[in-house]
Amino acid sequence: QVQFQESGGGVVKSGESLTVSCTASGSTLAYWSVGWFRQVPGKEREGVSCISAGNGETYYADSAKGRFTISRDSAKNTVDLQMNSLKVEDTAVYYCATVEAIDQSRCVIPSWYDYWGPGIQVTVAS
């Protein structure tokens, strides 16, 4: 059974950095397109970034551009989201989601993904 799990969340101060990772068990993440999403209570789940399975093409939402970097670590079988210059408004539960293939124009739309991790809290304090 394929499962995906987030790790690396926690509490940081505004301006600091944090990396969250998506790990796969029962599969190789390189075969999956992976998206990172976040959600705060009362709001819809927001797409942050994604990376395609084939050519590794990446996409960033405007809120992430210039601050976040998505990448694959094949040795660790993870997809990492490095978040720099964090802001209080980045506070959310972060989720990784996977699908075998997805058009990059849709990669920050939650409904296109098949599998989701349970989520991990990232809190940015002022």
Foldseek 3Di string as FASTA:
>chain_A
DKAKAKDWADEEAAQAKTKIKIAIDPDQCLQKKKWKWWDDPPDDIWTAKIFFNPPRDIDGDPVQPPFWDWDADRVRSIIMIMGGRDDQVVWTWMKMFIDRGDDPVCRGPVVVTDHIHPTDTHGYHD
